[in-house]
Amino acid sequence: MWLIVFMIIIIAAVIVCFSLAAAAKNAEMISQLWLEKQHIKQEILCTNKTKEE
């Protein structure tokens, strides 16, 4: 009986760890995309300033 409970706890812990790892990876990808978008915006602003001068 205790072995079954212990196995269920272990399996749940593994699932939680994988879920957290996936969420962290998604957050990293989203922040990377956001940074890339900001970088592109900055490049456009710089290009527009040089054209105006």
C-alpha atoms as a PDB file:
ATOM      1  CA  MET A   1       0.000   0.000   0.000  1.00  0.00           C
ATOM      2  CA  TRP A   2       2.725   2.465   0.977  1.00  0.00           C
ATOM      3  CA  LEU A   3       4.680   1.520  -2.103  1.00  0.00           C
ATOM      4  CA  ILE A   4       1.745   2.468  -4.351  1.00  0.00           C
ATOM      5  CA  VAL A   5       1.325   5.832  -2.583  1.00  0.00           C
ATOM      6  CA  PHE A   6       5.067   6.453  -2.846  1.00  0.00           C
ATOM      7  CA  MET A   7       5.075   5.613  -6.588  1.00  0.00           C
ATOM      8  CA  ILE A   8       2.117   7.949  -7.205  1.00  0.00           C
ATOM      9  CA  ILE A   9       3.937  10.772  -5.381  1.00  0.00           C
ATOM     10  CA  ILE A  10       7.101  10.147  -7.414  1.00  0.00           C
ATOM     11  CA  ILE A  11       5.162  10.129 -10.704  1.00  0.00           C
ATOM     12  CA  ALA A  12       3.341  13.332  -9.729  1.00  0.00           C
ATOM     13  CA  ALA A  13       6.658  14.990  -8.837  1.00  0.00           C
ATOM     14  CA  VAL A  14       8.145  14.013 -12.205  1.00  0.00           C
ATOM     15  CA  ILE A  15       5.099  15.398 -14.052  1.00  0.00           C
ATOM     16  CA  VAL A  16       5.327  18.662 -12.100  1.00  0.00           C
ATOM     17  CA  CYS A  17       9.051  18.963 -12.860  1.00  0.00           C
ATOM     18  CA  PHE A  18       8.488  18.437 -16.573  1.00  0.00           C
ATOM     19  CA  SER A  19       5.622  20.941 -16.562  1.00  0.00           C
ATOM     20  CA  LEU A  20       7.772  23.555 -14.843  1.00  0.00           C
ATOM     21  CA  ALA A  21      10.611  22.933 -17.280  1.00  0.00           C
ATOM     22  CA  ALA A  22       8.244  23.341 -20.232  1.00  0.00           C
ATOM     23  CA  ALA A  23       6.796  26.545 -18.763  1.00  0.00           C
ATOM     24  CA  ALA A  24      10.292  27.940 -18.216  1.00  0.00           C
ATOM     25  CA  LYS A  25      11.243  27.105 -21.800  1.00  0.00           C
ATOM     26  CA  ASN A  26       8.077  28.820 -23.094  1.00  0.00           C
ATOM     27  CA  ALA A  27       8.796  31.892 -20.976  1.00  0.00           C
ATOM     28  CA  GLU A  28      12.344  31.989 -22.319  1.00  0.00           C
ATOM     29  CA  MET A  29      11.099  31.754 -25.910  1.00  0.00           C
ATOM     30  CA  ILE A  30       8.507  34.495 -25.337  1.00  0.00           C
ATOM     31  CA  SER A  31      11.055  36.837 -23.770  1.00  0.00           C
ATOM     32  CA  GLN A  32      13.488  36.104 -26.604  1.00  0.00           C
ATOM     33  CA  LEU A  33      10.818  37.009 -29.168  1.00  0.00           C
ATOM     34  CA  TRP A  34       9.989  40.185 -27.252  1.00  0.00           C
ATOM     35  CA  LEU A  35      13.658  41.204 -27.116  1.00  0.00           C
ATOM     36  CA  GLU A  36      14.009  40.520 -30.828  1.00  0.00           C
ATOM     37  CA  LYS A  37      10.924  42.640 -31.533  1.00  0.00           C
ATOM     38  CA  GLN A  38      12.338  45.503 -29.428  1.00  0.00           C
ATOM     39  CA  HIS A  39      15.656  45.229 -31.277  1.00  0.00           C
ATOM     40  CA  ILE A  40      13.889  45.441 -34.655  1.00  0.00           C
ATOM     41  CA  LYS A  41      11.895  48.485 -33.463  1.00  0.00           C
ATOM     42  CA  GLN A  42      15.133  50.162 -32.372  1.00  0.00           C
ATOM     43  CA  GLU A  43      16.735  49.453 -35.752  1.00  0.00           C
ATOM     44  CA  ILE A  44      13.733  50.965 -37.550  1.00  0.00           C
ATOM     45  CA  LEU A  45      13.887  54.077 -35.356  1.00  0.00           C
ATOM     46  CA  CYS A  46      17.606  54.459 -36.010  1.00  0.00           C
ATOM     47  CA  THR A  47      17.106  53.984 -39.755  1.00  0.00           C
ATOM     48  CA  ASN A  48      14.335  56.604 -39.795  1.00  0.00           C
ATOM     49  CA  LYS A  49      16.495  59.096 -37.893  1.00  0.00           C
ATOM     50  CA  THR A  50      19.358  58.660 -40.364  1.00  0.00           C
ATOM     51  CA  LYS A  51      17.011  59.155 -43.318  1.00  0.00           C
ATOM     52  CA  GLU A  52      15.664  62.402 -41.814  1.00  0.00           C
ATOM     53  CA  GLU A  53      19.126  63.883 -41.347  1.00  0.00           C
END
